[in-house]
PDB file of N, CA and C in Angstrom:
ATOM      1  N   MET A   1     -16.255 -80.939   4.188  1.00  0.00           N
ATOM      2  CA  MET A   1     -17.337 -80.232   4.643  1.00  0.00           C
ATOM      3  C   MET A   1     -17.570 -80.143   5.934  1.00  0.00           C
ATOM      4  N   VAL A   2     -17.880 -78.696   6.252  1.00  0.00           N
ATOM      5  CA  VAL A   2     -17.969 -78.649   7.969  1.00  0.00           C
ATOM      6  C   VAL A   2     -19.149 -78.663   8.177  1.00  0.00           C
ATOM      7  N   THR A   3     -19.389 -79.160   9.223  1.00  0.00           N
ATOM      8  CA  THR A   3     -20.980 -79.069   9.955  1.00  0.00           C
ATOM      9  C   THR A   3     -21.204 -78.720  11.209  1.00  0.00           C
ATOM     10  N   GLY A   4     -22.400 -78.373  11.690  1.00  0.00           N
ATOM     11  CA  GLY A   4     -22.284 -78.010  13.001  1.00  0.00           C
ATOM     12  C   GLY A   4     -22.714 -76.443  13.189  1.00  0.00           C
ATOM     13  N   PRO A   5     -22.970 -76.149  14.467  1.00  0.00           N
ATOM     14  CA  PRO A   5     -23.391 -74.443  14.481  1.00  0.00           C
ATOM     15  C   PRO A   5     -22.579 -73.408  13.745  1.00  0.00           C
ATOM     16  N   LEU A   6     -21.074 -73.790  13.795  1.00  0.00           N
ATOM     17  CA  LEU A   6     -20.385 -72.829  13.380  1.00  0.00           C
ATOM     18  C   LEU A   6     -19.880 -72.918  12.018  1.00  0.00           C
ATOM     19  N   ALA A   7     -20.702 -73.638  11.171  1.00  0.00           N
ATOM     20  CA  ALA A   7     -20.334 -74.250   9.784  1.00  0.00           C
ATOM     21  C   ALA A   7     -20.973 -73.264   8.831  1.00  0.00           C
ATOM     22  N   SER A   8     -21.656 -71.936   9.599  1.00  0.00           N
ATOM     23  CA  SER A   8     -21.982 -71.042   8.533  1.00  0.00           C
ATOM     24  C   SER A   8     -21.567 -69.712   9.195  1.00  0.00           C
ATOM     25  N   TRP A   9     -20.397 -69.502  10.039  1.00  0.00           N
ATOM     26  CA  TRP A   9     -20.107 -68.514  10.736  1.00  0.00           C
ATOM     27  C   TRP A   9     -19.299 -67.759   9.837  1.00  0.00           C
ATOM     28  N   PRO A  10     -18.611 -66.489   9.555  1.00  0.00           N
ATOM     29  CA  PRO A  10     -19.688 -65.716   9.535  1.00  0.00           C
ATOM     30  C   PRO A  10     -20.969 -65.510   8.952  1.00  0.00           C
ATOM     31  N   PRO A  11     -22.405 -65.105   9.204  1.00  0.00           N
ATOM     32  CA  PRO A  11     -23.356 -65.276   8.555  1.00  0.00           C
ATOM     33  C   PRO A  11     -23.149 -64.370   7.105  1.00  0.00           C
ATOM     34  N   TRP A  12     -23.466 -64.763   5.936  1.00  0.00           N
ATOM     35  CA  TRP A  12     -23.205 -63.753   4.893  1.00  0.00           C
ATOM     36  C   TRP A  12     -24.639 -63.507   4.180  1.00  0.00           C
ATOM     37  N   PRO A  13     -24.672 -62.345   3.687  1.00  0.00           N
ATOM     38  CA  PRO A  13     -24.348 -61.223   4.260  1.00  0.00           C
ATOM     39  C   PRO A  13     -24.182 -60.742   5.673  1.00  0.00           C
ATOM     40  N   PRO A  14     -23.455 -60.236   6.379  1.00  0.00           N
ATOM     41  CA  PRO A  14     -23.700 -59.677   7.315  1.00  0.00           C
ATOM     42  C   PRO A  14     -24.640 -58.754   8.289  1.00  0.00           C
ATOM     43  N   TRP A  15     -24.960 -58.328   7.286  1.00  0.00           N
ATOM     44  CA  TRP A  15     -26.436 -57.602   7.473  1.00  0.00           C
ATOM     45  C   TRP A  15     -27.782 -57.715   7.274  1.00  0.00           C
ATOM     46  N   PRO A  16     -28.516 -57.283   7.855  1.00  0.00           N
ATOM     47  CA  PRO A  16     -30.180 -57.765   7.109  1.00  0.00           C
ATOM     48  C   PRO A  16     -30.271 -57.716   5.922  1.00  0.00           C
ATOM     49  N   PRO A  17     -31.060 -58.420   4.991  1.00  0.00           N
ATOM     50  CA  PRO A  17     -31.327 -58.123   3.868  1.00  0.00           C
ATOM     51  C   PRO A  17     -31.947 -56.771   3.361  1.00  0.00           C
ATOM     52  N   GLY A  18     -31.693 -56.207   2.681  1.00  0.00           N
ATOM     53  CA  GLY A  18     -31.962 -54.939   2.010  1.00  0.00           C
ATOM     54  C   GLY A  18     -31.731 -53.573   2.594  1.00  0.00           C
ATOM     55  N   ARG A  19     -30.237 -54.056   3.601  1.00  0.00           N
ATOM     56  CA  ARG A  19     -29.919 -52.878   4.023  1.00  0.00           C
ATOM     57  C   ARG A  19     -27.894 -53.120   3.678  1.00  0.00           C
ATOM     58  N   ARG A  20     -27.609 -51.644   3.211  1.00  0.00           N
ATOM     59  CA  ARG A  20     -26.125 -51.874   2.951  1.00  0.00           C
ATOM     60  C   ARG A  20     -25.118 -51.585   4.113  1.00  0.00           C
ATOM     61  N   GLY A  21     -25.682 -51.186   4.776  1.00  0.00           N
ATOM     62  CA  GLY A  21     -24.853 -51.149   6.239  1.00  0.00           C
ATOM     63  C   GLY A  21     -24.376 -49.457   6.577  1.00  0.00           C
ATOM     64  N   ALA A  22     -24.781 -49.119   5.694  1.00  0.00           N
ATOM     65  CA  ALA A  22     -24.323 -47.314   5.663  1.00  0.00           C
ATOM     66  C   ALA A  22     -25.536 -46.737   5.828  1.00  0.00           C
ATOM     67  N   SER A  23     -25.503 -45.606   6.912  1.00  0.00           N
ATOM     68  CA  SER A  23     -26.374 -44.504   7.046  1.00  0.00           C
ATOM     69  C   SER A  23     -26.505 -43.343   6.120  1.00  0.00           C
ATOM     70  N   SER A  24     -27.744 -43.511   5.222  1.00  0.00           N
ATOM     71  CA  SER A  24     -27.505 -42.240   3.930  1.00  0.00           C
ATOM     72  C   SER A  24     -27.379 -40.893   4.538  1.00  0.00           C
ATOM     73  N   THR A  25     -28.573 -41.069   6.150  1.00  0.00           N
ATOM     74  CA  THR A  25     -28.835 -39.597   6.973  1.00  0.00           C
ATOM     75  C   THR A  25     -27.609 -39.516   7.280  1.00  0.00           C
ATOM     76  N   GLY A  26     -26.803 -39.790   8.078  1.00  0.00           N
ATOM     77  CA  GLY A  26     -25.744 -39.546   8.559  1.00  0.00           C
ATOM     78  C   GLY A  26     -24.891 -38.747   7.823  1.00  0.00           C
ATOM     79  N   CYS A  27     -24.932 -39.841   6.139  1.00  0.00           N
ATOM     80  CA  CYS A  27     -23.651 -39.062   5.572  1.00  0.00           C
ATOM     81  C   CYS A  27     -23.999 -37.563   5.308  1.00  0.00           C
ATOM     82  N   LEU A  28     -25.219 -37.344   4.648  1.00  0.00           N
ATOM     83  CA  LEU A  28     -25.775 -36.333   4.128  1.00  0.00           C
ATOM     84  C   LEU A  28     -26.034 -34.903   5.052  1.00  0.00           C
ATOM     85  N   PHE A  29     -26.374 -35.505   6.386  1.00  0.00           N
ATOM     86  CA  PHE A  29     -26.218 -34.424   7.187  1.00  0.00           C
ATOM     87  C   PHE A  29     -24.598 -33.860   7.504  1.00  0.00           C
ATOM     88  N   SER A  30     -23.444 -34.721   7.315  1.00  0.00           N
ATOM     89  CA  SER A  30     -22.165 -34.556   7.617  1.00  0.00           C
ATOM     90  C   SER A  30     -21.896 -33.538   6.382  1.00  0.00           C
ATOM     91  N   LEU A  31     -22.206 -34.273   5.165  1.00  0.00           N
ATOM     92  CA  LEU A  31     -22.041 -33.250   4.138  1.00  0.00           C
ATOM     93  C   LEU A  31     -22.546 -32.249   4.051  1.00  0.00           C
ATOM     94  N   LEU A  32     -23.914 -31.932   4.272  1.00  0.00           N
ATOM     95  CA  LEU A  32     -24.641 -30.609   4.495  1.00  0.00           C
ATOM     96  C   LEU A  32     -23.815 -29.807   5.308  1.00  0.00           C
ATOM     97  N   ILE A  33     -23.601 -30.382   6.449  1.00  0.00           N
ATOM     98  CA  ILE A  33     -22.396 -29.268   7.474  1.00  0.00           C
ATOM     99  C   ILE A  33     -21.212 -28.817   7.025  1.00  0.00           C
ATOM    100  N   PHE A  34     -20.428 -29.667   6.305  1.00  0.00           N
ATOM    101  CA  PHE A  34     -19.202 -29.399   5.442  1.00  0.00           C
ATOM    102  C   PHE A  34     -19.510 -28.502   4.393  1.00  0.00           C
ATOM    103  N   VAL A  35     -20.609 -28.137   3.492  1.00  0.00           N
ATOM    104  CA  VAL A  35     -20.648 -27.271   2.463  1.00  0.00           C
ATOM    105  C   VAL A  35     -21.208 -26.265   3.142  1.00  0.00           C
ATOM    106  N   ALA A  36     -21.827 -26.228   4.239  1.00  0.00           N
ATOM    107  CA  ALA A  36     -22.329 -25.036   4.986  1.00  0.00           C
ATOM    108  C   ALA A  36     -21.012 -24.078   5.473  1.00  0.00           C
ATOM    109  N   VAL A  37     -20.017 -24.877   5.921  1.00  0.00           N
ATOM    110  CA  VAL A  37     -19.143 -24.190   6.790  1.00  0.00           C
ATOM    111  C   VAL A  37     -18.051 -23.657   5.930  1.00  0.00           C
ATOM    112  N   LEU A  38     -18.161 -24.176   4.810  1.00  0.00           N
ATOM    113  CA  LEU A  38     -17.351 -23.767   3.404  1.00  0.00           C
ATOM    114  C   LEU A  38     -17.834 -22.713   2.955  1.00  0.00           C
ATOM    115  N   TYR A  39     -19.389 -22.857   2.753  1.00  0.00           N
ATOM    116  CA  TYR A  39     -19.737 -21.373   2.240  1.00  0.00           C
ATOM    117  C   TYR A  39     -19.409 -20.389   2.907  1.00  0.00           C
ATOM    118  N   TYR A  40     -19.826 -20.312   4.145  1.00  0.00           N
ATOM    119  CA  TYR A  40     -20.060 -19.448   4.790  1.00  0.00           C
ATOM    120  C   TYR A  40     -18.310 -18.845   5.376  1.00  0.00           C
ATOM    121  N   GLY A  41     -17.611 -19.927   5.036  1.00  0.00           N
ATOM    122  CA  GLY A  41     -15.909 -19.548   5.505  1.00  0.00           C
ATOM    123  C   GLY A  41     -15.507 -18.725   4.526  1.00  0.00           C
ATOM    124  N   VAL A  42     -15.732 -19.244   3.353  1.00  0.00           N
ATOM    125  CA  VAL A  42     -15.244 -18.503   2.171  1.00  0.00           C
ATOM    126  C   VAL A  42     -15.751 -16.703   2.289  1.00  0.00           C
ATOM    127  N   ASN A  43     -17.176 -16.534   2.448  1.00  0.00           N
ATOM    128  CA  ASN A  43     -17.470 -15.479   2.848  1.00  0.00           C
ATOM    129  C   ASN A  43     -16.672 -14.284   3.711  1.00  0.00           C
ATOM    130  N   ILE A  44     -16.914 -15.240   4.784  1.00  0.00           N
ATOM    131  CA  ILE A  44     -16.429 -14.093   5.805  1.00  0.00           C
ATOM    132  C   ILE A  44     -14.801 -14.322   5.487  1.00  0.00           C
ATOM    133  N   GLY A  45     -14.149 -15.295   5.260  1.00  0.00           N
ATOM    134  CA  GLY A  45     -12.354 -15.310   4.984  1.00  0.00           C
ATOM    135  C   GLY A  45     -11.946 -14.400   4.034  1.00  0.00           C
ATOM    136  N   GLU A  46     -13.059 -13.888   3.263  1.00  0.00           N
ATOM    137  CA  GLU A  46     -12.471 -12.844   2.183  1.00  0.00           C
ATOM    138  C   GLU A  46     -11.954 -11.027   2.921  1.00  0.00           C
ATOM    139  N   VAL A  47     -13.119 -11.086   3.833  1.00  0.00           N
ATOM    140  CA  VAL A  47     -13.597 -10.200   4.750  1.00  0.00           C
ATOM    141  C   VAL A  47     -11.842 -10.303   5.429  1.00  0.00           C
ATOM    142  N   TYR A  48     -11.602 -11.333   6.385  1.00  0.00           N
ATOM    143  CA  TYR A  48     -10.510 -11.340   6.737  1.00  0.00           C
ATOM    144  C   TYR A  48      -9.232 -11.138   6.096  1.00  0.00           C
ATOM    145  N   PHE A  49      -9.114 -11.526   5.281  1.00  0.00           N
ATOM    146  CA  PHE A  49      -8.134 -11.634   3.959  1.00  0.00           C
ATOM    147  C   PHE A  49      -7.766 -10.112   3.551  1.00  0.00           C
ATOM    148  N   ARG A  50      -8.804  -9.675   3.046  1.00  0.00           N
ATOM    149  CA  ARG A  50      -8.675  -7.980   2.741  1.00  0.00           C
ATOM    150  C   ARG A  50      -7.934  -7.170   3.832  1.00  0.00           C
ATOM    151  N   TYR A  51      -8.401  -7.184   5.090  1.00  0.00           N
ATOM    152  CA  TYR A  51      -7.752  -6.692   6.295  1.00  0.00           C
ATOM    153  C   TYR A  51      -6.662  -6.924   6.693  1.00  0.00           C
ATOM    154  N   TYR A  52      -6.198  -8.398   6.185  1.00  0.00           N
ATOM    155  CA  TYR A  52      -4.792  -8.946   6.659  1.00  0.00           C
ATOM    156  C   TYR A  52      -3.811  -8.027   5.178  1.00  0.00           C
ATOM    157  N   ARG A  53      -4.596  -7.730   4.338  1.00  0.00           N
ATOM    158  CA  ARG A  53      -3.569  -7.299   3.209  1.00  0.00           C
ATOM    159  C   ARG A  53      -3.400  -5.831   3.176  1.00  0.00           C
ATOM    160  N   LEU A  54      -4.536  -5.274   3.826  1.00  0.00           N
ATOM    161  CA  LEU A  54      -4.054  -3.444   4.469  1.00  0.00           C
ATOM    162  C   LEU A  54      -3.155  -3.496   5.461  1.00  0.00           C
ATOM    163  N   LEU A  55      -3.202  -4.549   6.308  1.00  0.00           N
ATOM    164  CA  LEU A  55      -2.614  -4.395   7.367  1.00  0.00           C
ATOM    165  C   LEU A  55      -0.732  -4.707   7.508  1.00  0.00           C
ATOM    166  N   ASP A  56      -0.835  -5.893   6.291  1.00  0.00           N
ATOM    167  CA  ASP A  56       0.503  -5.741   6.030  1.00  0.00           C
ATOM    168  C   ASP A  56       0.834  -4.289   5.029  1.00  0.00           C
ATOM    169  N   GLU A  57       0.415  -4.263   4.127  1.00  0.00           N
ATOM    170  CA  GLU A  57       0.657  -3.032   3.307  1.00  0.00           C
ATOM    171  C   GLU A  57       1.100  -1.600   4.808  1.00  0.00           C
ATOM    172  N   MET A  58       0.073  -1.530   5.660  1.00  0.00           N
ATOM    173  CA  MET A  58       0.906  -0.283   6.537  1.00  0.00           C
ATOM    174  C   MET A  58       1.841  -0.995   7.178  1.00  0.00           C
ATOM    175  N   GLN A  59       1.907  -2.076   7.993  1.00  0.00           N
ATOM    176  CA  GLN A  59       3.431  -2.118   8.163  1.00  0.00           C
ATOM    177  C   GLN A  59       4.506  -2.151   7.425  1.00  0.00           C
ATOM    178  N   THR A  60       4.326  -2.535   6.050  1.00  0.00           N
ATOM    179  CA  THR A  60       5.487  -2.252   5.035  1.00  0.00           C
ATOM    180  C   THR A  60       6.116  -0.731   5.159  1.00  0.00           C
ATOM    181  N   GLN A  61       4.750   0.135   5.114  1.00  0.00           N
ATOM    182  CA  GLN A  61       4.987   1.527   4.795  1.00  0.00           C
ATOM    183  C   GLN A  61       5.686   2.162   6.247  1.00  0.00           C
ATOM    184  N   ALA A  62       5.374   1.822   7.469  1.00  0.00           N
ATOM    185  CA  ALA A  62       5.876   2.235   8.412  1.00  0.00           C
ATOM    186  C   ALA A  62       7.340   1.718   8.611  1.00  0.00           C
ATOM    187  N   GLN A  63       7.808   0.414   8.065  1.00  0.00           N
ATOM    188  CA  GLN A  63       9.263   0.212   8.042  1.00  0.00           C
ATOM    189  C   GLN A  63      10.240   0.980   7.387  1.00  0.00           C
ATOM    190  N   LEU A  64       9.121   1.560   5.941  1.00  0.00           N
ATOM    191  CA  LEU A  64       9.597   2.638   5.217  1.00  0.00           C
ATOM    192  C   LEU A  64       9.737   4.031   5.431  1.00  0.00           C
ATOM    193  N   ALA A  65       8.894   4.053   6.625  1.00  0.00           N
ATOM    194  CA  ALA A  65       8.555   5.574   6.926  1.00  0.00           C
ATOM    195  C   ALA A  65       9.897   6.580   7.089  1.00  0.00           C
ATOM    196  N   ALA A  66      11.069   5.926   7.240  1.00  0.00           N
ATOM    197  CA  ALA A  66      12.532   6.970   8.003  1.00  0.00           C
ATOM    198  C   ALA A  66      12.564   7.688   6.248  1.00  0.00           C
ATOM    199  N   ALA A  67      12.543   7.155   5.456  1.00  0.00           N
ATOM    200  CA  ALA A  67      12.816   7.829   4.134  1.00  0.00           C
ATOM    201  C   ALA A  67      11.739   8.240   2.918  1.00  0.00           C
ATOM    202  N   LEU A  68      10.506   7.986   3.610  1.00  0.00           N
ATOM    203  CA  LEU A  68       9.239   8.599   2.917  1.00  0.00           C
ATOM    204  C   LEU A  68       8.107   9.586   3.824  1.00  0.00           C
ATOM    205  N   ASP A  69       7.963  10.626   3.066  1.00  0.00           N
ATOM    206  CA  ASP A  69       7.127  11.475   3.581  1.00  0.00           C
ATOM    207  C   ASP A  69       5.807  11.170   3.937  1.00  0.00           C
ATOM    208  N   ASP A  70       4.869  11.592   4.891  1.00  0.00           N
ATOM    209  CA  ASP A  70       3.419  10.998   5.106  1.00  0.00           C
ATOM    210  C   ASP A  70       2.461  11.155   3.823  1.00  0.00           C
ATOM    211  N   GLY A  71       2.874  11.993   3.166  1.00  0.00           N
ATOM    212  CA  GLY A  71       1.993  12.040   2.011  1.00  0.00           C
ATOM    213  C   GLY A  71       2.021  10.648   0.715  1.00  0.00           C
ATOM    214  N   THR A  72       3.302  10.565   0.710  1.00  0.00           N
ATOM    215  CA  THR A  72       3.702   9.283  -0.176  1.00  0.00           C
ATOM    216  C   THR A  72       3.146   8.047   0.669  1.00  0.00           C
ATOM    217  N   ILE A  73       3.386   7.788   1.607  1.00  0.00           N
ATOM    218  CA  ILE A  73       2.949   6.582   2.682  1.00  0.00           C
ATOM    219  C   ILE A  73       1.253   6.669   2.410  1.00  0.00           C
ATOM    220  N   GLN A  74       0.478   7.855   2.654  1.00  0.00           N
ATOM    221  CA  GLN A  74      -0.368   7.814   2.291  1.00  0.00           C
ATOM    222  C   GLN A  74      -1.284   7.242   1.330  1.00  0.00           C
ATOM    223  N   ARG A  75      -0.788   7.899  -0.002  1.00  0.00           N
ATOM    224  CA  ARG A  75      -0.867   7.480  -1.022  1.00  0.00           C
ATOM    225  C   ARG A  75      -0.812   6.411  -1.568  1.00  0.00           C
ATOM    226  N   ARG A  76      -0.073   5.683  -1.050  1.00  0.00           N
ATOM    227  CA  ARG A  76       0.333   3.826  -1.234  1.00  0.00           C
ATOM    228  C   ARG A  76      -0.384   3.383  -0.510  1.00  0.00           C
ATOM    229  N   ILE A  77      -1.002   3.682   0.617  1.00  0.00           N
ATOM    230  CA  ILE A  77      -1.874   2.749   1.299  1.00  0.00           C
ATOM    231  C   ILE A  77      -3.383   3.045   0.809  1.00  0.00           C
ATOM    232  N   GLN A  78      -3.442   4.126   0.529  1.00  0.00           N
ATOM    233  CA  GLN A  78      -4.963   4.650  -0.165  1.00  0.00           C
ATOM    234  C   GLN A  78      -4.840   3.364  -1.425  1.00  0.00           C
ATOM    235  N   ALA A  79      -4.015   3.413  -2.243  1.00  0.00           N
ATOM    236  CA  ALA A  79      -3.919   2.596  -3.737  1.00  0.00           C
ATOM    237  C   ALA A  79      -4.063   1.152  -3.066  1.00  0.00           C
ATOM    238  N   THR A  80      -3.556   0.480  -2.222  1.00  0.00           N
ATOM    239  CA  THR A  80      -3.508  -0.726  -1.752  1.00  0.00           C
ATOM    240  C   THR A  80      -5.374  -1.033  -1.558  1.00  0.00           C
ATOM    241  N   ALA A  81      -5.725   0.144  -0.503  1.00  0.00           N
ATOM    242  CA  ALA A  81      -7.087  -0.032  -0.171  1.00  0.00           C
ATOM    243  C   ALA A  81      -8.016  -0.092  -1.246  1.00  0.00           C
ATOM    244  N   GLN A  82      -7.358   0.488  -2.368  1.00  0.00           N
ATOM    245  CA  GLN A  82      -8.421   0.714  -3.472  1.00  0.00           C
ATOM    246  C   GLN A  82      -8.633  -0.625  -4.457  1.00  0.00           C
ATOM    247  N   ASP A  83      -7.206  -1.264  -4.467  1.00  0.00           N
ATOM    248  CA  ASP A  83      -6.663  -1.947  -5.036  1.00  0.00           C
ATOM    249  C   ASP A  83      -7.489  -3.256  -4.895  1.00  0.00           C
ATOM    250  N   ILE A  84      -7.616  -3.755  -3.490  1.00  0.00           N
ATOM    251  CA  ILE A  84      -8.298  -4.756  -2.437  1.00  0.00           C
ATOM    252  C   ILE A  84     -10.000  -4.716  -2.721  1.00  0.00           C
ATOM    253  N   GLY A  85     -10.292  -3.553  -2.914  1.00  0.00           N
ATOM    254  CA  GLY A  85     -11.897  -3.428  -2.969  1.00  0.00           C
ATOM    255  C   GLY A  85     -12.250  -3.208  -1.346  1.00  0.00           C
ATOM    256  N   LEU A  86     -11.399  -2.423  -1.171  1.00  0.00           N
ATOM    257  CA  LEU A  86     -11.894  -2.197   0.635  1.00  0.00           C
ATOM    258  C   LEU A  86     -12.695  -0.735   0.313  1.00  0.00           C
ATOM    259  N   PRO A  87     -14.128  -0.573   1.234  1.00  0.00           N
ATOM    260  CA  PRO A  87     -14.804   0.446   1.280  1.00  0.00           C
ATOM    261  C   PRO A  87     -14.147   1.713   0.920  1.00  0.00           C
ATOM    262  N   ASP A  88     -14.826   2.700   1.043  1.00  0.00           N
ATOM    263  CA  ASP A  88     -14.049   4.028   0.585  1.00  0.00           C
ATOM    264  C   ASP A  88     -13.792   4.903   1.773  1.00  0.00           C
ATOM    265  N   GLN A  89     -14.089   4.763   3.043  1.00  0.00           N
ATOM    266  CA  GLN A  89     -13.661   4.879   4.336  1.00  0.00           C
ATOM    267  C   GLN A  89     -12.649   4.387   5.011  1.00  0.00           C
ATOM    268  N   ALA A  90     -12.094   3.377   4.089  1.00  0.00           N
ATOM    269  CA  ALA A  90     -10.484   2.492   4.752  1.00  0.00           C
ATOM    270  C   ALA A  90      -9.842   3.365   4.064  1.00  0.00           C
ATOM    271  N   GLN A  91      -9.863   4.296   3.023  1.00  0.00           N
ATOM    272  CA  GLN A  91      -8.729   5.537   2.348  1.00  0.00           C
ATOM    273  C   GLN A  91      -8.651   6.391   3.465  1.00  0.00           C
ATOM    274  N   ASN A  92      -9.706   6.758   4.223  1.00  0.00           N
ATOM    275  CA  ASN A  92      -9.283   7.636   5.117  1.00  0.00           C
ATOM    276  C   ASN A  92      -8.004   7.052   5.831  1.00  0.00           C
ATOM    277  N   ILE A  93      -7.043   7.944   5.870  1.00  0.00           N
ATOM    278  CA  ILE A  93      -5.665   7.124   6.679  1.00  0.00           C
ATOM    279  C   ILE A  93      -5.252   8.403   7.517  1.00  0.00           C
ATOM    280  N   ARG A  94      -4.811   7.902   8.795  1.00  0.00           N
ATOM    281  CA  ARG A  94      -4.307   8.725   9.710  1.00  0.00           C
ATOM    282  C   ARG A  94      -2.797   8.463  10.048  1.00  0.00           C
ATOM    283  N   ILE A  95      -1.854   9.615   9.906  1.00  0.00           N
ATOM    284  CA  ILE A  95      -0.566   9.310  10.268  1.00  0.00           C
ATOM    285  C   ILE A  95       0.008  10.286  11.326  1.00  0.00           C
ATOM    286  N   VAL A  96       1.000   9.918  12.313  1.00  0.00           N
ATOM    287  CA  VAL A  96       1.027  10.618  13.458  1.00  0.00           C
ATOM    288  C   VAL A  96       2.318   9.816  13.605  1.00  0.00           C
ATOM    289  N   ARG A  97       3.081  11.174  13.679  1.00  0.00           N
ATOM    290  CA  ARG A  97       4.501  11.115  13.616  1.00  0.00           C
ATOM    291  C   ARG A  97       5.185  11.701  15.161  1.00  0.00           C
ATOM    292  N   ARG A  98       6.310  10.569  15.933  1.00  0.00           N
ATOM    293  CA  ARG A  98       7.044  11.211  17.090  1.00  0.00           C
ATOM    294  C   ARG A  98       7.978  11.135  17.211  1.00  0.00           C
ATOM    295  N   ALA A  99       8.654  12.314  17.729  1.00  0.00           N
ATOM    296  CA  ALA A  99      10.187  12.330  17.365  1.00  0.00           C
ATOM    297  C   ALA A  99      10.871  11.818  18.735  1.00  0.00           C
ATOM    298  N   SER A 100       9.894  11.857  19.881  1.00  0.00           N
ATOM    299  CA  SER A 100      10.575  11.270  21.201  1.00  0.00           C
ATOM    300  C   SER A 100       9.498  10.514  22.167  1.00  0.00           C
ATOM    301  N   PRO A 101       9.615   8.972  21.949  1.00  0.00           N
ATOM    302  CA  PRO A 101      10.581   8.366  21.470  1.00  0.00           C
ATOM    303  C   PRO A 101      10.494   7.746  20.065  1.00  0.00           C
ATOM    304  N   ARG A 102      11.236   7.899  18.755  1.00  0.00           N
ATOM    305  CA  ARG A 102      10.825   8.060  17.464  1.00  0.00           C
ATOM    306  C   ARG A 102      10.064   6.811  17.051  1.00  0.00           C
ATOM    307  N   GLU A 103       8.745   7.068  16.676  1.00  0.00           N
ATOM    308  CA  GLU A 103       7.722   6.536  15.906  1.00  0.00           C
ATOM    309  C   GLU A 103       6.790   6.720  15.077  1.00  0.00           C
ATOM    310  N   ILE A 104       6.111   5.742  14.452  1.00  0.00           N
ATOM    311  CA  ILE A 104       5.394   6.593  13.440  1.00  0.00           C
ATOM    312  C   ILE A 104       3.643   5.281  14.021  1.00  0.00           C
ATOM    313  N   THR A 105       2.714   5.988  13.832  1.00  0.00           N
ATOM    314  CA  THR A 105       1.418   5.254  13.925  1.00  0.00           C
ATOM    315  C   THR A 105       0.417   5.690  12.525  1.00  0.00           C
ATOM    316  N   ILE A 106       0.510   4.469  12.200  1.00  0.00           N
ATOM    317  CA  ILE A 106      -0.628   4.455  10.998  1.00  0.00           C
ATOM    318  C   ILE A 106      -2.131   3.878  11.059  1.00  0.00           C
ATOM    319  N   GLU A 107      -2.924   4.767  10.918  1.00  0.00           N
ATOM    320  CA  GLU A 107      -4.521   4.259  11.552  1.00  0.00           C
ATOM    321  C   GLU A 107      -5.404   4.170  10.000  1.00  0.00           C
ATOM    322  N   ALA A 108      -6.421   3.414   9.889  1.00  0.00           N
ATOM    323  CA  ALA A 108      -7.723   3.411   9.153  1.00  0.00           C
ATOM    324  C   ALA A 108      -8.527   2.967  10.084  1.00  0.00           C
ATOM    325  N   GLN A 109      -9.931   3.213   9.625  1.00  0.00           N
ATOM    326  CA  GLN A 109     -10.764   2.704  10.480  1.00  0.00           C
ATOM    327  C   GLN A 109     -12.110   2.648   9.481  1.00  0.00           C
ATOM    328  N   TYR A 110     -12.903   1.250   9.237  1.00  0.00           N
ATOM    329  CA  TYR A 110     -13.823   1.420   8.438  1.00  0.00           C
ATOM    330  C   TYR A 110     -14.573   0.079   9.041  1.00  0.00           C
ATOM    331  N   SER A 111     -15.595  -0.430   8.262  1.00  0.00           N
ATOM    332  CA  SER A 111     -16.656  -1.323   8.484  1.00  0.00           C
ATOM    333  C   SER A 111     -16.824  -2.200   7.098  1.00  0.00           C
ATOM    334  N   GLU A 112     -17.460  -3.344   6.902  1.00  0.00           N
ATOM    335  CA  GLU A 112     -17.686  -4.136   6.253  1.00  0.00           C
ATOM    336  C   GLU A 112     -18.796  -4.976   6.565  1.00  0.00           C
ATOM    337  N   THR A 113     -20.011  -5.110   5.485  1.00  0.00           N
ATOM    338  CA  THR A 113     -21.372  -5.949   5.745  1.00  0.00           C
ATOM    339  C   THR A 113     -21.334  -6.918   4.843  1.00  0.00           C
ATOM    340  N   ILE A 114     -21.012  -8.307   5.668  1.00  0.00           N
ATOM    341  CA  ILE A 114     -21.302  -9.586   5.127  1.00  0.00           C
ATOM    342  C   ILE A 114     -22.931 -10.319   4.824  1.00  0.00           C
ATOM    343  N   HIS A 115     -23.211 -10.096   3.274  1.00  0.00           N
ATOM    344  CA  HIS A 115     -24.512 -10.448   3.402  1.00  0.00           C
ATOM    345  C   HIS A 115     -24.320 -11.946   3.182  1.00  0.00           C
ATOM    346  N   LEU A 116     -25.198 -12.657   4.285  1.00  0.00           N
ATOM    347  CA  LEU A 116     -25.120 -14.640   3.649  1.00  0.00           C
ATOM    348  C   LEU A 116     -26.455 -14.617   4.129  1.00  0.00           C
ATOM    349  N   PRO A 117     -26.884 -15.805   3.602  1.00  0.00           N
ATOM    350  CA  PRO A 117     -28.500 -16.340   3.462  1.00  0.00           C
ATOM    351  C   PRO A 117     -28.778 -16.514   4.975  1.00  0.00           C
ATOM    352  N   LYS A 118     -29.870 -16.000   5.017  1.00  0.00           N
ATOM    353  CA  LYS A 118     -30.302 -15.996   6.603  1.00  0.00           C
ATOM    354  C   LYS A 118     -29.674 -14.993   7.677  1.00  0.00           C
ATOM    355  N   ALA A 119     -28.525 -14.445   7.539  1.00  0.00           N
ATOM    356  CA  ALA A 119     -27.751 -13.510   8.403  1.00  0.00           C
ATOM    357  C   ALA A 119     -26.948 -12.299   7.670  1.00  0.00           C
ATOM    358  N   THR A 120     -26.992 -11.214   8.465  1.00  0.00           N
ATOM    359  CA  THR A 120     -26.197 -10.247   7.761  1.00  0.00           C
ATOM    360  C   THR A 120     -25.580  -9.866   8.914  1.00  0.00           C
ATOM    361  N   GLN A 121     -24.284  -9.595   8.924  1.00  0.00           N
ATOM    362  CA  GLN A 121     -23.552  -9.389  10.161  1.00  0.00           C
ATOM    363  C   GLN A 121     -22.359  -8.360   9.691  1.00  0.00           C
ATOM    364  N   PRO A 122     -22.519  -7.320  10.494  1.00  0.00           N
ATOM    365  CA  PRO A 122     -21.533  -5.928  10.153  1.00  0.00           C
ATOM    366  C   PRO A 122     -20.150  -6.570  10.877  1.00  0.00           C
ATOM    367  N   LEU A 123     -18.976  -6.102  10.428  1.00  0.00           N
ATOM    368  CA  LEU A 123     -17.642  -6.574  10.907  1.00  0.00           C
ATOM    369  C   LEU A 123     -16.893  -5.146  10.516  1.00  0.00           C
TER     370      LEU A 123
END
């Protein structure tokens, strides 16, 4: 048996009686922040996901433009915009071809509104 001042070192339990050593307030606050970022991120992320899908379709049609007429390109992009749930104004496609230098420009302009608790932001 050990005796002396270090006989009971480290003190057991190492925290004061009645406390577990964890801060429930800090954990709850961190969890609340994480859930809020996730909730808002999903809603905002949907808008950007739809935008990039439309952009990808426009780039694909621009690559195929040499073999397609403007009406076909416009119909394909309009169908994609409708499939992904974009507003009707996204289906107003403008196509401009130039011979010298040989290029094609495909444009669409639209806006979406995100409805979030405590905030509404047009994008």
